Amino acid sequence: MTPQLKIVVEKHSDGYVAYPLGLARGAVVGQGDTYEAALADVRSAIAFHVETFGVAALASAGDDPVLDAFVAETAVPA
C-alpha cells in the first residue's frame, strides 16, 4: 500500500505551487494555473519520483506521517 501524503498548495500571483510533506528522499514540486492543475502536476511528479527511486522514497511518510502542518511568519534580520 502506498503511504498517504499531505500536499501543500500555495497560491501565488502567477499561479499555484504544490509539494508533498514528509518525503524520505528528494524533493517533488508541481505547478499550475489553478489549484486543480497544480495538484494534478504534483501527483504526476510523485508518481515519477516513486518510479525513479522506488516506494522507499516515501517511506518516512508511512513510518512517521506528518500529522498536521502549520504556517508561521517570522522576521528575518537584515
PDB file of N, CA and C in Angstrom:
ATOM      1  N   MET A   1       0.829  -1.178   0.000  1.00  0.00           N
ATOM      2  CA  MET A   1       0.000   0.000   0.000  1.00  0.00           C
ATOM      3  C   MET A   1       0.879   1.249   0.000  1.00  0.00           C
ATOM      4  N   THR A   2       0.567   2.205  -0.841  1.00  0.00           N
ATOM      5  CA  THR A   2       1.313   3.446  -0.927  1.00  0.00           C
ATOM      6  C   THR A   2       0.904   4.360   0.221  1.00  0.00           C
ATOM      7  N   PRO A   3       1.893   4.936   0.922  1.00  0.00           N
ATOM      8  CA  PRO A   3       1.557   5.840   2.030  1.00  0.00           C
ATOM      9  C   PRO A   3       0.781   7.061   1.547  1.00  0.00           C
ATOM     10  N   GLN A   4      -0.060   7.592   2.421  1.00  0.00           N
ATOM     11  CA  GLN A   4      -0.778   8.828   2.137  1.00  0.00           C
ATOM     12  C   GLN A   4       0.154  10.007   2.420  1.00  0.00           C
ATOM     13  N   LEU A   5       0.128  11.018   1.571  1.00  0.00           N
ATOM     14  CA  LEU A   5       0.948  12.209   1.750  1.00  0.00           C
ATOM     15  C   LEU A   5       0.055  13.417   1.935  1.00  0.00           C
ATOM     16  N   LYS A   6       0.507  14.342   2.739  1.00  0.00           N
ATOM     17  CA  LYS A   6      -0.143  15.641   2.824  1.00  0.00           C
ATOM     18  C   LYS A   6       0.511  16.533   1.778  1.00  0.00           C
ATOM     19  N   ILE A   7      -0.302  17.270   1.037  1.00  0.00           N
ATOM     20  CA  ILE A   7       0.193  18.142  -0.026  1.00  0.00           C
ATOM     21  C   ILE A   7      -0.071  19.588   0.366  1.00  0.00           C
ATOM     22  N   VAL A   8       0.948  20.418   0.266  1.00  0.00           N
ATOM     23  CA  VAL A   8       0.807  21.857   0.469  1.00  0.00           C
ATOM     24  C   VAL A   8       0.577  22.475  -0.901  1.00  0.00           C
ATOM     25  N   VAL A   9      -0.441  23.309  -1.017  1.00  0.00           N
ATOM     26  CA  VAL A   9      -0.699  24.039  -2.263  1.00  0.00           C
ATOM     27  C   VAL A   9      -0.660  25.524  -1.922  1.00  0.00           C
ATOM     28  N   GLU A  10       0.255  26.242  -2.561  1.00  0.00           N
ATOM     29  CA  GLU A  10       0.406  27.675  -2.332  1.00  0.00           C
ATOM     30  C   GLU A  10      -0.147  28.448  -3.527  1.00  0.00           C
ATOM     31  N   LYS A  11      -0.875  29.510  -3.231  1.00  0.00           N
ATOM     32  CA  LYS A  11      -1.385  30.382  -4.287  1.00  0.00           C
ATOM     33  C   LYS A  11      -0.454  31.587  -4.394  1.00  0.00           C
ATOM     34  N   HIS A  12       0.030  31.827  -5.604  1.00  0.00           N
ATOM     35  CA  HIS A  12       0.896  32.968  -5.895  1.00  0.00           C
ATOM     36  C   HIS A  12       0.218  33.843  -6.940  1.00  0.00           C
ATOM     37  N   SER A  13       0.756  35.020  -7.166  1.00  0.00           N
ATOM     38  CA  SER A  13       0.138  35.936  -8.130  1.00  0.00           C
ATOM     39  C   SER A  13       0.135  35.366  -9.549  1.00  0.00           C
ATOM     40  N   ASP A  14       1.074  34.477  -9.853  1.00  0.00           N
ATOM     41  CA  ASP A  14       1.171  33.933 -11.210  1.00  0.00           C
ATOM     42  C   ASP A  14       0.775  32.458 -11.309  1.00  0.00           C
ATOM     43  N   GLY A  15       0.125  31.923 -10.281  1.00  0.00           N
ATOM     44  CA  GLY A  15      -0.314  30.538 -10.333  1.00  0.00           C
ATOM     45  C   GLY A  15      -0.186  29.842  -8.993  1.00  0.00           C
ATOM     46  N   TYR A  16      -0.174  28.526  -9.019  1.00  0.00           N
ATOM     47  CA  TYR A  16      -0.134  27.703  -7.813  1.00  0.00           C
ATOM     48  C   TYR A  16       1.092  26.800  -7.833  1.00  0.00           C
ATOM     49  N   VAL A  17       1.618  26.517  -6.638  1.00  0.00           N
ATOM     50  CA  VAL A  17       2.733  25.596  -6.457  1.00  0.00           C
ATOM     51  C   VAL A  17       2.284  24.562  -5.427  1.00  0.00           C
ATOM     52  N   ALA A  18       2.608  23.297  -5.664  1.00  0.00           N
ATOM     53  CA  ALA A  18       2.210  22.230  -4.750  1.00  0.00           C
ATOM     54  C   ALA A  18       3.399  21.320  -4.470  1.00  0.00           C
ATOM     55  N   TYR A  19       3.495  20.867  -3.218  1.00  0.00           N
ATOM     56  CA  TYR A  19       4.568  19.937  -2.861  1.00  0.00           C
ATOM     57  C   TYR A  19       4.129  19.075  -1.686  1.00  0.00           C
ATOM     58  N   PRO A  20       4.599  17.822  -1.643  1.00  0.00           N
ATOM     59  CA  PRO A  20       4.242  16.929  -0.545  1.00  0.00           C
ATOM     60  C   PRO A  20       5.145  17.155   0.661  1.00  0.00           C
ATOM     61  N   LEU A  21       4.604  16.886   1.827  1.00  0.00           N
ATOM     62  CA  LEU A  21       5.382  16.926   3.066  1.00  0.00           C
ATOM     63  C   LEU A  21       5.834  15.515   3.425  1.00  0.00           C
ATOM     64  N   GLY A  22       7.008  15.394   4.024  1.00  0.00           N
ATOM     65  CA  GLY A  22       7.434  14.139   4.616  1.00  0.00           C
ATOM     66  C   GLY A  22       8.027  13.105   3.688  1.00  0.00           C
ATOM     67  N   LEU A  23       8.641  13.520   2.581  1.00  0.00           N
ATOM     68  CA  LEU A  23       9.313  12.532   1.731  1.00  0.00           C
ATOM     69  C   LEU A  23      10.569  12.022   2.427  1.00  0.00           C
ATOM     70  N   ALA A  24      10.869  10.755   2.251  1.00  0.00           N
ATOM     71  CA  ALA A  24      12.088  10.182   2.826  1.00  0.00           C
ATOM     72  C   ALA A  24      13.321  10.635   2.053  1.00  0.00           C
ATOM     73  N   ARG A  25      13.154  10.870   0.748  1.00  0.00           N
ATOM     74  CA  ARG A  25      14.299  11.207  -0.099  1.00  0.00           C
ATOM     75  C   ARG A  25      13.844  12.112  -1.226  1.00  0.00           C
ATOM     76  N   GLY A  26      14.614  13.166  -1.459  1.00  0.00           N
ATOM     77  CA  GLY A  26      14.377  14.027  -2.606  1.00  0.00           C
ATOM     78  C   GLY A  26      13.318  15.084  -2.368  1.00  0.00           C
ATOM     79  N   ALA A  27      13.052  15.820  -3.422  1.00  0.00           N
ATOM     80  CA  ALA A  27      12.046  16.878  -3.401  1.00  0.00           C
ATOM     81  C   ALA A  27      11.162  16.746  -4.630  1.00  0.00           C
ATOM     82  N   VAL A  28       9.894  17.059  -4.464  1.00  0.00           N
ATOM     83  CA  VAL A  28       8.927  16.974  -5.549  1.00  0.00           C
ATOM     84  C   VAL A  28       8.096  18.256  -5.520  1.00  0.00           C
ATOM     85  N   VAL A  29       7.941  18.872  -6.685  1.00  0.00           N
ATOM     86  CA  VAL A  29       7.155  20.102  -6.787  1.00  0.00           C
ATOM     87  C   VAL A  29       6.300  20.032  -8.043  1.00  0.00           C
ATOM     88  N   GLY A  30       5.091  20.545  -7.937  1.00  0.00           N
ATOM     89  CA  GLY A  30       4.202  20.679  -9.089  1.00  0.00           C
ATOM     90  C   GLY A  30       3.740  22.118  -9.175  1.00  0.00           C
ATOM     91  N   GLN A  31       3.258  22.510 -10.336  1.00  0.00           N
ATOM     92  CA  GLN A  31       2.765  23.877 -10.506  1.00  0.00           C
ATOM     93  C   GLN A  31       1.642  23.877 -11.525  1.00  0.00           C
ATOM     94  N   GLY A  32       0.846  24.946 -11.490  1.00  0.00           N
ATOM     95  CA  GLY A  32      -0.241  25.069 -12.452  1.00  0.00           C
ATOM     96  C   GLY A  32      -0.931  26.404 -12.329  1.00  0.00           C
ATOM     97  N   ASP A  33      -1.755  26.701 -13.298  1.00  0.00           N
ATOM     98  CA  ASP A  33      -2.502  27.953 -13.302  1.00  0.00           C
ATOM     99  C   ASP A  33      -3.679  27.923 -12.329  1.00  0.00           C
ATOM    100  N   THR A  34      -4.099  26.713 -11.938  1.00  0.00           N
ATOM    101  CA  THR A  34      -5.201  26.554 -10.994  1.00  0.00           C
ATOM    102  C   THR A  34      -4.780  25.599  -9.881  1.00  0.00           C
ATOM    103  N   TYR A  35      -5.564  25.597  -8.804  1.00  0.00           N
ATOM    104  CA  TYR A  35      -5.340  24.673  -7.691  1.00  0.00           C
ATOM    105  C   TYR A  35      -5.338  23.238  -8.209  1.00  0.00           C
ATOM    106  N   GLU A  36      -6.351  22.909  -9.001  1.00  0.00           N
ATOM    107  CA  GLU A  36      -6.502  21.543  -9.512  1.00  0.00           C
ATOM    108  C   GLU A  36      -5.341  21.152 -10.417  1.00  0.00           C
ATOM    109  N   ALA A  37      -4.879  22.098 -11.248  1.00  0.00           N
ATOM    110  CA  ALA A  37      -3.760  21.809 -12.155  1.00  0.00           C
ATOM    111  C   ALA A  37      -2.481  21.564 -11.369  1.00  0.00           C
ATOM    112  N   ALA A  38      -2.231  22.357 -10.334  1.00  0.00           N
ATOM    113  CA  ALA A  38      -1.036  22.170  -9.507  1.00  0.00           C
ATOM    114  C   ALA A  38      -1.088  20.834  -8.780  1.00  0.00           C
ATOM    115  N   LEU A  39      -2.263  20.474  -8.268  1.00  0.00           N
ATOM    116  CA  LEU A  39      -2.426  19.199  -7.575  1.00  0.00           C
ATOM    117  C   LEU A  39      -2.212  18.027  -8.530  1.00  0.00           C
ATOM    118  N   ALA A  40      -2.759  18.116  -9.728  1.00  0.00           N
ATOM    119  CA  ALA A  40      -2.553  17.060 -10.722  1.00  0.00           C
ATOM    120  C   ALA A  40      -1.079  16.964 -11.105  1.00  0.00           C
ATOM    121  N   ASP A  41      -0.406  18.098 -11.237  1.00  0.00           N
ATOM    122  CA  ASP A  41       1.006  18.105 -11.614  1.00  0.00           C
ATOM    123  C   ASP A  41       1.873  17.485 -10.520  1.00  0.00           C
ATOM    124  N   VAL A  42       1.595  17.812  -9.256  1.00  0.00           N
ATOM    125  CA  VAL A  42       2.398  17.234  -8.179  1.00  0.00           C
ATOM    126  C   VAL A  42       2.114  15.742  -8.033  1.00  0.00           C
ATOM    127  N   ARG A  43       0.887  15.307  -8.277  1.00  0.00           N
ATOM    128  CA  ARG A  43       0.589  13.869  -8.243  1.00  0.00           C
ATOM    129  C   ARG A  43       1.389  13.131  -9.317  1.00  0.00           C
ATOM    130  N   SER A  44       1.477  13.726 -10.492  1.00  0.00           N
ATOM    131  CA  SER A  44       2.272  13.147 -11.570  1.00  0.00           C
ATOM    132  C   SER A  44       3.751  13.110 -11.184  1.00  0.00           C
ATOM    133  N   ALA A  45       4.226  14.178 -10.560  1.00  0.00           N
ATOM    134  CA  ALA A  45       5.631  14.234 -10.134  1.00  0.00           C
ATOM    135  C   ALA A  45       5.921  13.202  -9.049  1.00  0.00           C
ATOM    136  N   ILE A  46       4.976  12.988  -8.140  1.00  0.00           N
ATOM    137  CA  ILE A  46       5.147  11.966  -7.102  1.00  0.00           C
ATOM    138  C   ILE A  46       5.218  10.584  -7.741  1.00  0.00           C
ATOM    139  N   ALA A  47       4.361  10.308  -8.704  1.00  0.00           N
ATOM    140  CA  ALA A  47       4.380   9.015  -9.400  1.00  0.00           C
ATOM    141  C   ALA A  47       5.727   8.799 -10.085  1.00  0.00           C
ATOM    142  N   PHE A  48       6.263   9.839 -10.731  1.00  0.00           N
ATOM    143  CA  PHE A  48       7.568   9.733 -11.381  1.00  0.00           C
ATOM    144  C   PHE A  48       8.664   9.511 -10.340  1.00  0.00           C
ATOM    145  N   HIS A  49       8.565  10.196  -9.209  1.00  0.00           N
ATOM    146  CA  HIS A  49       9.541  10.058  -8.112  1.00  0.00           C
ATOM    147  C   HIS A  49       9.569   8.612  -7.612  1.00  0.00           C
ATOM    148  N   VAL A  50       8.385   8.029  -7.416  1.00  0.00           N
ATOM    149  CA  VAL A  50       8.300   6.637  -6.958  1.00  0.00           C
ATOM    150  C   VAL A  50       8.827   5.690  -8.031  1.00  0.00           C
ATOM    151  N   GLU A  51       8.510   5.974  -9.291  1.00  0.00           N
ATOM    152  CA  GLU A  51       9.010   5.154 -10.393  1.00  0.00           C
ATOM    153  C   GLU A  51      10.541   5.196 -10.457  1.00  0.00           C
ATOM    154  N   THR A  52      11.108   6.359 -10.179  1.00  0.00           N
ATOM    155  CA  THR A  52      12.554   6.541 -10.257  1.00  0.00           C
ATOM    156  C   THR A  52      13.283   5.968  -9.042  1.00  0.00           C
ATOM    157  N   PHE A  53      12.795   6.284  -7.825  1.00  0.00           N
ATOM    158  CA  PHE A  53      13.501   5.925  -6.597  1.00  0.00           C
ATOM    159  C   PHE A  53      12.882   4.760  -5.844  1.00  0.00           C
ATOM    160  N   GLY A  54      11.707   4.327  -6.253  1.00  0.00           N
ATOM    161  CA  GLY A  54      11.021   3.254  -5.549  1.00  0.00           C
ATOM    162  C   GLY A  54      10.160   3.792  -4.421  1.00  0.00           C
ATOM    163  N   VAL A  55       9.278   2.956  -3.924  1.00  0.00           N
ATOM    164  CA  VAL A  55       8.359   3.366  -2.871  1.00  0.00           C
ATOM    165  C   VAL A  55       9.103   3.715  -1.589  1.00  0.00           C
ATOM    166  N   ALA A  56      10.349   3.266  -1.433  1.00  0.00           N
ATOM    167  CA  ALA A  56      11.146   3.608  -0.250  1.00  0.00           C
ATOM    168  C   ALA A  56      11.368   5.111  -0.143  1.00  0.00           C
ATOM    169  N   ALA A  57      11.275   5.827  -1.262  1.00  0.00           N
ATOM    170  CA  ALA A  57      11.418   7.291  -1.230  1.00  0.00           C
ATOM    171  C   ALA A  57      10.275   7.927  -0.450  1.00  0.00           C
ATOM    172  N   LEU A  58       9.178   7.192  -0.266  1.00  0.00           N
ATOM    173  CA  LEU A  58       8.038   7.684   0.502  1.00  0.00           C
ATOM    174  C   LEU A  58       7.987   7.071   1.895  1.00  0.00           C
ATOM    175  N   ALA A  59       8.987   6.287   2.268  1.00  0.00           N
ATOM    176  CA  ALA A  59       8.943   5.501   3.498  1.00  0.00           C
ATOM    177  C   ALA A  59       8.663   6.347   4.733  1.00  0.00           C
ATOM    178  N   SER A  60       9.269   7.522   4.839  1.00  0.00           N
ATOM    179  CA  SER A  60       9.051   8.289   6.062  1.00  0.00           C
ATOM    180  C   SER A  60       7.610   8.766   6.174  1.00  0.00           C
ATOM    181  N   ALA A  61       6.946   8.932   5.046  1.00  0.00           N
ATOM    182  CA  ALA A  61       5.550   9.345   5.084  1.00  0.00           C
ATOM    183  C   ALA A  61       4.705   8.259   5.752  1.00  0.00           C
ATOM    184  N   GLY A  62       5.052   6.994   5.523  1.00  0.00           N
ATOM    185  CA  GLY A  62       4.315   5.896   6.142  1.00  0.00           C
ATOM    186  C   GLY A  62       4.808   5.575   7.538  1.00  0.00           C
ATOM    187  N   ASP A  63       6.123   5.677   7.752  1.00  0.00           N
ATOM    188  CA  ASP A  63       6.716   5.340   9.044  1.00  0.00           C
ATOM    189  C   ASP A  63       6.478   6.419  10.095  1.00  0.00           C
ATOM    190  N   ASP A  64       6.551   7.666   9.684  1.00  0.00           N
ATOM    191  CA  ASP A  64       6.389   8.786  10.601  1.00  0.00           C
ATOM    192  C   ASP A  64       5.591   9.872   9.888  1.00  0.00           C
ATOM    193  N   PRO A  65       4.293   9.664   9.727  1.00  0.00           N
ATOM    194  CA  PRO A  65       3.499  10.583   8.916  1.00  0.00           C
ATOM    195  C   PRO A  65       3.419  11.983   9.514  1.00  0.00           C
ATOM    196  N   VAL A  66       3.291  12.953   8.628  1.00  0.00           N
ATOM    197  CA  VAL A  66       3.046  14.328   9.058  1.00  0.00           C
ATOM    198  C   VAL A  66       1.604  14.372   9.550  1.00  0.00           C
ATOM    199  N   LEU A  67       1.412  14.680  10.809  1.00  0.00           N
ATOM    200  CA  LEU A  67       0.072  14.693  11.386  1.00  0.00           C
ATOM    201  C   LEU A  67      -0.657  15.993  11.086  1.00  0.00           C
ATOM    202  N   ASP A  68       0.076  17.082  11.022  1.00  0.00           N
ATOM    203  CA  ASP A  68      -0.517  18.375  10.737  1.00  0.00           C
ATOM    204  C   ASP A  68       0.594  19.292  10.256  1.00  0.00           C
ATOM    205  N   ALA A  69       0.223  20.357   9.596  1.00  0.00           N
ATOM    206  CA  ALA A  69       1.194  21.336   9.114  1.00  0.00           C
ATOM    207  C   ALA A  69       0.676  22.719   9.456  1.00  0.00           C
ATOM    208  N   PHE A  70       1.581  23.619   9.734  1.00  0.00           N
ATOM    209  CA  PHE A  70       1.215  24.960  10.161  1.00  0.00           C
ATOM    210  C   PHE A  70       1.979  25.978   9.333  1.00  0.00           C
ATOM    211  N   VAL A  71       1.425  27.152   9.202  1.00  0.00           N
ATOM    212  CA  VAL A  71       2.099  28.262   8.538  1.00  0.00           C
ATOM    213  C   VAL A  71       2.426  29.283   9.611  1.00  0.00           C
ATOM    214  N   ALA A  72       3.675  29.718   9.652  1.00  0.00           N
ATOM    215  CA  ALA A  72       4.099  30.712  10.639  1.00  0.00           C
ATOM    216  C   ALA A  72       4.904  31.793   9.935  1.00  0.00           C
ATOM    217  N   GLU A  73       4.964  32.960  10.532  1.00  0.00           N
ATOM    218  CA  GLU A  73       5.767  34.044   9.995  1.00  0.00           C
ATOM    219  C   GLU A  73       6.832  34.427  11.007  1.00  0.00           C
ATOM    220  N   THR A  74       7.940  34.914  10.496  1.00  0.00           N
ATOM    221  CA  THR A  74       8.991  35.425  11.350  1.00  0.00           C
ATOM    222  C   THR A  74       9.752  36.507  10.601  1.00  0.00           C
ATOM    223  N   ALA A  75      10.327  37.407  11.341  1.00  0.00           N
ATOM    224  CA  ALA A  75      11.160  38.451  10.723  1.00  0.00           C
ATOM    225  C   ALA A  75      12.548  37.873  10.478  1.00  0.00           C
ATOM    226  N   VAL A  76      13.141  38.280   9.391  1.00  0.00           N
ATOM    227  CA  VAL A  76      14.497  37.842   9.066  1.00  0.00           C
ATOM    228  C   VAL A  76      15.413  39.047   9.242  1.00  0.00           C
ATOM    229  N   PRO A  77      16.421  38.927  10.109  1.00  0.00           N
ATOM    230  CA  PRO A  77      17.322  40.062  10.312  1.00  0.00           C
ATOM    231  C   PRO A  77      18.021  40.452   9.022  1.00  0.00           C
ATOM    232  N   ALA A  78      18.112  41.737   8.782  1.00  0.00           N
ATOM    233  CA  ALA A  78      18.758  42.220   7.555  1.00  0.00           C
ATOM    234  C   ALA A  78      20.255  42.319   7.734  1.00  0.00           C
TER     235      ALA A  78
END
